[in-house]
Amino acid sequence: MTARERIKEFLTSKHGYVSTSIVHDHIQSLGYKRVSSCGALSKMVARGEVITNGYHIHTYVKLNLENKPTAASVRQTANHTYLAGVMGRVPSKPVPKSENAIFDLCRKYSRMYQLIDQPLRGVRT
């Protein structure tokens, strides 16, 4: 599912206006990036799928039930859904990084470190 479909699903479950920050937080809790949520919501507003109220940080949105999708928007949505499945853009949990990642890289690739480390390893053992 794309972020747009998740937003649409979330707004159908809510009645009335919902703060945009709540929408973005919900989409982010599902594992999507906040940027994709912002982009999807702004495109939905431009297409007329979502009605906005308020301004700047006090913006509220609700689903426009009277909106009739055009053939182009239906085709584009189908294409995005297909590409999301093909490209494997299903959100996943980030892999935790090593705390000493930069030092691991230096140890692995630095010739000077290898020259110094080899004699020291002989002494340590």
N, C-alpha and C. Protein backbone atom coordinates (compact mmCIF):
# COMPACT_ATOMS: atom_id res chain seq x y z
N MET A 1 0.83 -1.19 0.00
CA MET A 1 0.00 0.00 0.00
C MET A 1 0.87 1.24 0.00
N THR A 2 0.43 2.24 -0.71
CA THR A 2 1.18 3.49 -0.75
C THR A 2 0.74 4.39 0.41
N ALA A 3 1.52 5.44 0.64
CA ALA A 3 1.19 6.39 1.70
C ALA A 3 -0.14 7.06 1.41
N ARG A 4 -0.43 7.30 0.14
CA ARG A 4 -1.70 7.93 -0.25
C ARG A 4 -2.88 7.05 0.14
N GLU A 5 -2.77 5.76 -0.12
CA GLU A 5 -3.85 4.84 0.23
C GLU A 5 -4.03 4.75 1.74
N ARG A 6 -2.92 4.79 2.47
CA ARG A 6 -2.99 4.77 3.94
C ARG A 6 -3.66 6.03 4.48
N ILE A 7 -3.35 7.19 3.86
CA ILE A 7 -3.98 8.44 4.29
C ILE A 7 -5.48 8.37 4.03
N LYS A 8 -5.84 7.88 2.86
CA LYS A 8 -7.26 7.78 2.50
C LYS A 8 -7.99 6.84 3.47
N GLU A 9 -7.35 5.74 3.79
CA GLU A 9 -7.93 4.77 4.74
C GLU A 9 -8.11 5.40 6.12
N PHE A 10 -7.10 6.18 6.56
CA PHE A 10 -7.17 6.82 7.87
C PHE A 10 -8.26 7.88 7.92
N LEU A 11 -8.37 8.68 6.85
CA LEU A 11 -9.38 9.74 6.84
C LEU A 11 -10.80 9.19 6.72
N THR A 12 -10.99 8.03 6.09
CA THR A 12 -12.32 7.44 6.03
C THR A 12 -12.76 6.93 7.39
N SER A 13 -11.81 6.53 8.22
CA SER A 13 -12.17 6.06 9.56
C SER A 13 -12.51 7.21 10.50
N LYS A 14 -12.04 8.42 10.18
CA LYS A 14 -12.33 9.60 11.00
C LYS A 14 -13.48 10.38 10.38
N HIS A 15 -14.29 11.00 11.21
CA HIS A 15 -15.38 11.83 10.73
C HIS A 15 -15.06 13.27 11.09
N GLY A 16 -15.15 14.14 10.11
CA GLY A 16 -14.83 15.54 10.33
C GLY A 16 -13.37 15.82 10.05
N TYR A 17 -12.94 16.99 10.48
CA TYR A 17 -11.58 17.44 10.20
C TYR A 17 -10.59 16.82 11.18
N VAL A 18 -9.39 16.51 10.66
CA VAL A 18 -8.30 15.94 11.45
C VAL A 18 -7.07 16.80 11.20
N SER A 19 -6.30 17.06 12.24
CA SER A 19 -5.08 17.85 12.09
C SER A 19 -4.09 17.12 11.19
N THR A 20 -3.39 17.89 10.36
CA THR A 20 -2.42 17.27 9.45
C THR A 20 -1.28 16.62 10.21
N SER A 21 -0.92 17.16 11.35
CA SER A 21 0.16 16.56 12.13
C SER A 21 -0.25 15.18 12.65
N ILE A 22 -1.53 15.01 12.98
CA ILE A 22 -2.01 13.70 13.42
C ILE A 22 -1.96 12.71 12.25
N VAL A 23 -2.32 13.16 11.07
CA VAL A 23 -2.27 12.31 9.88
C VAL A 23 -0.83 11.88 9.62
N HIS A 24 0.09 12.84 9.64
CA HIS A 24 1.50 12.53 9.37
C HIS A 24 2.07 11.60 10.44
N ASP A 25 1.72 11.83 11.71
CA ASP A 25 2.20 10.96 12.79
C ASP A 25 1.69 9.54 12.61
N HIS A 26 0.43 9.40 12.22
CA HIS A 26 -0.15 8.07 12.01
C HIS A 26 0.56 7.34 10.87
N ILE A 27 0.78 8.02 9.77
CA ILE A 27 1.46 7.42 8.62
C ILE A 27 2.89 7.06 8.98
N GLN A 28 3.53 7.91 9.75
CA GLN A 28 4.91 7.64 10.18
C GLN A 28 4.95 6.44 11.13
N SER A 29 3.93 6.26 11.96
CA SER A 29 3.90 5.11 12.86
C SER A 29 3.70 3.80 12.11
N LEU A 30 3.19 3.87 10.89
CA LEU A 30 3.04 2.68 10.07
C LEU A 30 4.33 2.29 9.36
N GLY A 31 5.35 3.12 9.48
CA GLY A 31 6.65 2.80 8.91
C GLY A 31 7.03 3.59 7.68
N TYR A 32 6.16 4.49 7.24
CA TYR A 32 6.48 5.33 6.08
C TYR A 32 7.26 6.54 6.55
N LYS A 33 7.94 7.19 5.61
CA LYS A 33 8.66 8.41 5.94
C LYS A 33 7.67 9.57 5.99
N ARG A 34 7.96 10.54 6.83
CA ARG A 34 7.09 11.71 6.96
C ARG A 34 7.05 12.50 5.65
N VAL A 35 8.14 12.50 4.93
CA VAL A 35 8.20 13.22 3.66
C VAL A 35 7.21 12.65 2.65
N SER A 36 7.10 11.32 2.61
CA SER A 36 6.16 10.71 1.67
C SER A 36 4.72 11.02 2.07
N SER A 37 4.47 11.11 3.37
CA SER A 37 3.14 11.47 3.84
C SER A 37 2.80 12.91 3.45
N CYS A 38 3.76 13.82 3.61
CA CYS A 38 3.53 15.23 3.26
C CYS A 38 3.29 15.37 1.76
N GLY A 39 4.09 14.68 0.97
CA GLY A 39 3.94 14.77 -0.48
C GLY A 39 2.61 14.20 -0.95
N ALA A 40 2.24 13.05 -0.40
CA ALA A 40 0.99 12.41 -0.80
C ALA A 40 -0.21 13.27 -0.42
N LEU A 41 -0.17 13.84 0.78
CA LEU A 41 -1.29 14.66 1.23
C LEU A 41 -1.42 15.94 0.40
N SER A 42 -0.30 16.56 0.06
CA SER A 42 -0.37 17.78 -0.75
C SER A 42 -0.88 17.48 -2.16
N LYS A 43 -0.53 16.33 -2.72
CA LYS A 43 -1.05 15.95 -4.03
C LYS A 43 -2.55 15.66 -3.95
N MET A 44 -2.99 15.07 -2.84
CA MET A 44 -4.41 14.80 -2.67
C MET A 44 -5.20 16.10 -2.57
N VAL A 45 -4.63 17.10 -1.91
CA VAL A 45 -5.28 18.40 -1.79
C VAL A 45 -5.36 19.04 -3.17
N ALA A 46 -4.28 18.96 -3.95
CA ALA A 46 -4.26 19.56 -5.29
C ALA A 46 -5.28 18.89 -6.22
N ARG A 47 -5.50 17.61 -6.07
CA ARG A 47 -6.46 16.88 -6.91
C ARG A 47 -7.90 17.08 -6.44
N GLY A 48 -8.08 17.59 -5.23
CA GLY A 48 -9.42 17.80 -4.71
C GLY A 48 -9.96 16.61 -3.94
N GLU A 49 -9.12 15.63 -3.64
CA GLU A 49 -9.56 14.47 -2.88
C GLU A 49 -9.73 14.79 -1.41
N VAL A 50 -9.02 15.82 -0.95
CA VAL A 50 -9.03 16.20 0.45
C VAL A 50 -9.35 17.69 0.54
N ILE A 51 -10.16 18.06 1.54
CA ILE A 51 -10.52 19.45 1.78
C ILE A 51 -9.70 19.94 2.97
N THR A 52 -9.12 21.12 2.84
CA THR A 52 -8.33 21.69 3.93
C THR A 52 -9.07 22.83 4.60
N ASN A 53 -8.70 23.07 5.84
CA ASN A 53 -9.25 24.17 6.61
C ASN A 53 -8.14 24.67 7.51
N GLY A 54 -7.99 25.96 7.65
CA GLY A 54 -6.94 26.53 8.49
C GLY A 54 -5.75 26.93 7.65
N TYR A 55 -4.66 27.26 8.33
CA TYR A 55 -3.46 27.70 7.63
C TYR A 55 -2.23 27.33 8.45
N HIS A 56 -1.09 27.32 7.77
CA HIS A 56 0.24 27.06 8.32
C HIS A 56 0.24 25.81 9.20
N ILE A 57 0.57 25.92 10.48
CA ILE A 57 0.66 24.72 11.33
C ILE A 57 -0.70 24.31 11.90
N HIS A 58 -1.70 25.14 11.71
CA HIS A 58 -3.04 24.82 12.21
C HIS A 58 -3.93 24.39 11.05
N THR A 59 -3.46 23.45 10.25
CA THR A 59 -4.21 22.98 9.09
C THR A 59 -4.92 21.69 9.43
N TYR A 60 -6.18 21.62 9.03
CA TYR A 60 -6.99 20.44 9.26
C TYR A 60 -7.49 19.93 7.91
N VAL A 61 -7.62 18.63 7.77
CA VAL A 61 -8.05 18.04 6.51
C VAL A 61 -9.17 17.04 6.75
N LYS A 62 -9.99 16.86 5.73
CA LYS A 62 -10.98 15.80 5.75
C LYS A 62 -11.16 15.30 4.32
N LEU A 63 -11.65 14.09 4.19
CA LEU A 63 -11.83 13.48 2.89
C LEU A 63 -13.01 14.13 2.17
N ASN A 64 -12.82 14.44 0.91
CA ASN A 64 -13.87 15.03 0.08
C ASN A 64 -14.70 13.89 -0.51
N LEU A 65 -15.89 13.67 0.04
CA LEU A 65 -16.72 12.56 -0.41
C LEU A 65 -17.35 12.81 -1.76
N GLU A 66 -17.41 14.07 -2.20
CA GLU A 66 -18.03 14.41 -3.48
C GLU A 66 -17.04 14.39 -4.64
N ASN A 67 -15.80 14.04 -4.37
CA ASN A 67 -14.77 14.04 -5.41
C ASN A 67 -14.94 12.84 -6.34
N LYS A 68 -14.93 13.10 -7.63
CA LYS A 68 -15.00 12.04 -8.64
C LYS A 68 -13.61 11.93 -9.28
N PRO A 69 -12.92 10.80 -9.14
CA PRO A 69 -11.58 10.69 -9.72
C PRO A 69 -11.62 10.69 -11.24
N THR A 70 -10.66 11.36 -11.84
CA THR A 70 -10.56 11.39 -13.29
C THR A 70 -9.84 10.13 -13.77
N ALA A 71 -9.90 9.88 -15.06
CA ALA A 71 -9.25 8.69 -15.62
C ALA A 71 -7.73 8.76 -15.43
N ALA A 72 -7.17 9.96 -15.53
CA ALA A 72 -5.72 10.11 -15.36
C ALA A 72 -5.29 9.80 -13.94
N SER A 73 -6.06 10.26 -12.95
CA SER A 73 -5.68 10.00 -11.57
C SER A 73 -5.84 8.52 -11.21
N VAL A 74 -6.83 7.86 -11.77
CA VAL A 74 -7.01 6.43 -11.53
C VAL A 74 -5.85 5.65 -12.14
N ARG A 75 -5.45 6.02 -13.35
CA ARG A 75 -4.34 5.36 -14.02
C ARG A 75 -3.04 5.58 -13.24
N GLN A 76 -2.83 6.80 -12.75
CA GLN A 76 -1.62 7.11 -12.02
C GLN A 76 -1.58 6.34 -10.69
N THR A 77 -2.71 6.23 -10.01
CA THR A 77 -2.77 5.48 -8.76
C THR A 77 -2.47 4.01 -9.00
N ALA A 78 -3.02 3.45 -10.07
CA ALA A 78 -2.76 2.05 -10.38
C ALA A 78 -1.28 1.83 -10.68
N ASN A 79 -0.67 2.77 -11.38
CA ASN A 79 0.75 2.67 -11.71
C ASN A 79 1.61 2.74 -10.45
N HIS A 80 1.28 3.66 -9.52
CA HIS A 80 2.04 3.78 -8.29
C HIS A 80 1.92 2.51 -7.45
N THR A 81 0.72 1.94 -7.39
CA THR A 81 0.53 0.72 -6.62
C THR A 81 1.34 -0.42 -7.22
N TYR A 82 1.34 -0.50 -8.55
CA TYR A 82 2.11 -1.54 -9.23
C TYR A 82 3.61 -1.36 -8.96
N LEU A 83 4.10 -0.12 -9.09
CA LEU A 83 5.52 0.13 -8.89
C LEU A 83 5.93 -0.09 -7.44
N ALA A 84 5.06 0.24 -6.50
CA ALA A 84 5.38 0.02 -5.10
C ALA A 84 5.56 -1.46 -4.81
N GLY A 85 4.74 -2.30 -5.45
CA GLY A 85 4.88 -3.74 -5.26
C GLY A 85 6.11 -4.29 -5.95
N VAL A 86 6.40 -3.82 -7.14
CA VAL A 86 7.53 -4.32 -7.91
C VAL A 86 8.86 -3.90 -7.29
N MET A 87 8.93 -2.65 -6.89
CA MET A 87 10.19 -2.13 -6.38
C MET A 87 10.42 -2.48 -4.92
N GLY A 88 9.45 -3.09 -4.28
CA GLY A 88 9.63 -3.49 -2.89
C GLY A 88 9.69 -2.33 -1.93
N ARG A 89 8.85 -1.34 -2.15
CA ARG A 89 8.87 -0.17 -1.28
C ARG A 89 7.99 -0.35 -0.06
N VAL A 90 7.92 -1.53 0.43
CA VAL A 90 7.16 -1.76 1.65
C VAL A 90 8.05 -1.29 2.80
N PRO A 91 7.53 -0.42 3.66
CA PRO A 91 8.38 0.12 4.72
C PRO A 91 8.83 -0.98 5.68
N SER A 92 10.05 -0.88 6.12
CA SER A 92 10.58 -1.85 7.06
C SER A 92 11.29 -1.11 8.18
N LYS A 93 11.58 -1.84 9.21
CA LYS A 93 12.28 -1.25 10.34
C LYS A 93 13.73 -0.99 9.95
N PRO A 94 14.28 0.15 10.35
CA PRO A 94 15.67 0.44 10.01
C PRO A 94 16.62 -0.52 10.73
N VAL A 95 17.69 -0.88 10.06
CA VAL A 95 18.69 -1.77 10.63
C VAL A 95 19.57 -0.95 11.57
N PRO A 96 19.74 -1.41 12.82
CA PRO A 96 20.58 -0.64 13.73
C PRO A 96 22.03 -0.64 13.25
N LYS A 97 22.66 0.52 13.33
CA LYS A 97 24.03 0.67 12.89
C LYS A 97 24.98 0.45 14.05
N SER A 98 26.18 0.03 13.72
CA SER A 98 27.21 -0.13 14.73
C SER A 98 27.56 1.24 15.30
N GLU A 99 27.83 1.30 16.59
CA GLU A 99 28.13 2.59 17.20
C GLU A 99 29.49 3.10 16.77
N ASN A 100 30.39 2.21 16.40
CA ASN A 100 31.73 2.61 15.97
C ASN A 100 31.91 2.35 14.48
N ALA A 101 30.92 2.72 13.71
CA ALA A 101 30.94 2.41 12.27
C ALA A 101 32.11 3.08 11.57
N ILE A 102 32.42 4.31 11.92
CA ILE A 102 33.52 5.01 11.26
C ILE A 102 34.85 4.35 11.60
N PHE A 103 34.99 3.88 12.83
CA PHE A 103 36.23 3.22 13.22
C PHE A 103 36.35 1.85 12.55
N ASP A 104 35.22 1.17 12.39
CA ASP A 104 35.24 -0.11 11.69
C ASP A 104 35.70 0.08 10.25
N LEU A 105 35.21 1.14 9.60
CA LEU A 105 35.65 1.42 8.23
C LEU A 105 37.14 1.75 8.18
N CYS A 106 37.63 2.51 9.14
CA CYS A 106 39.05 2.85 9.16
C CYS A 106 39.90 1.61 9.36
N ARG A 107 39.49 0.75 10.26
CA ARG A 107 40.23 -0.49 10.49
C ARG A 107 40.24 -1.38 9.27
N LYS A 108 39.13 -1.37 8.55
CA LYS A 108 38.99 -2.27 7.41
C LYS A 108 39.81 -1.79 6.21
N TYR A 109 39.84 -0.49 5.94
CA TYR A 109 40.42 0.01 4.71
C TYR A 109 41.74 0.78 4.86
N SER A 110 42.11 1.15 6.06
CA SER A 110 43.30 1.96 6.22
C SER A 110 44.56 1.08 6.22
N ARG A 111 45.44 1.34 5.27
CA ARG A 111 46.71 0.58 5.17
C ARG A 111 47.61 0.91 6.35
N MET A 112 47.62 2.17 6.78
CA MET A 112 48.47 2.56 7.91
C MET A 112 48.02 1.84 9.17
N TYR A 113 46.73 1.75 9.37
CA TYR A 113 46.23 1.06 10.56
C TYR A 113 46.65 -0.41 10.52
N GLN A 114 46.59 -1.03 9.36
CA GLN A 114 46.97 -2.44 9.24
C GLN A 114 48.45 -2.63 9.55
N LEU A 115 49.29 -1.70 9.12
CA LEU A 115 50.72 -1.79 9.40
C LEU A 115 51.03 -1.69 10.89
N ILE A 116 50.27 -0.84 11.58
CA ILE A 116 50.48 -0.66 13.02
C ILE A 116 49.82 -1.80 13.80
N ASP A 117 48.68 -2.24 13.34
CA ASP A 117 47.90 -3.21 14.10
C ASP A 117 48.52 -4.61 14.07
N GLN A 118 49.15 -5.01 12.98
CA GLN A 118 49.70 -6.36 12.88
C GLN A 118 50.76 -6.65 13.94
N PRO A 119 51.75 -5.78 14.14
CA PRO A 119 52.72 -6.07 15.21
C PRO A 119 52.09 -6.06 16.60
N LEU A 120 51.11 -5.18 16.80
CA LEU A 120 50.46 -5.11 18.11
C LEU A 120 49.65 -6.38 18.39
N ARG A 121 49.04 -6.94 17.38
CA ARG A 121 48.30 -8.19 17.57
C ARG A 121 49.24 -9.32 17.98
N GLY A 122 50.43 -9.32 17.44
CA GLY A 122 51.40 -10.35 17.81
C GLY A 122 51.81 -10.22 19.27
N VAL A 123 51.91 -9.00 19.78
CA VAL A 123 52.28 -8.76 21.17
C VAL A 123 51.13 -9.12 22.10
N ARG A 124 49.89 -8.80 21.67
CA ARG A 124 48.71 -9.02 22.52
C ARG A 124 48.46 -10.50 22.76
N THR A 125 48.75 -11.35 21.80
CA THR A 125 48.42 -12.78 21.96
C THR A 125 49.50 -13.56 22.63
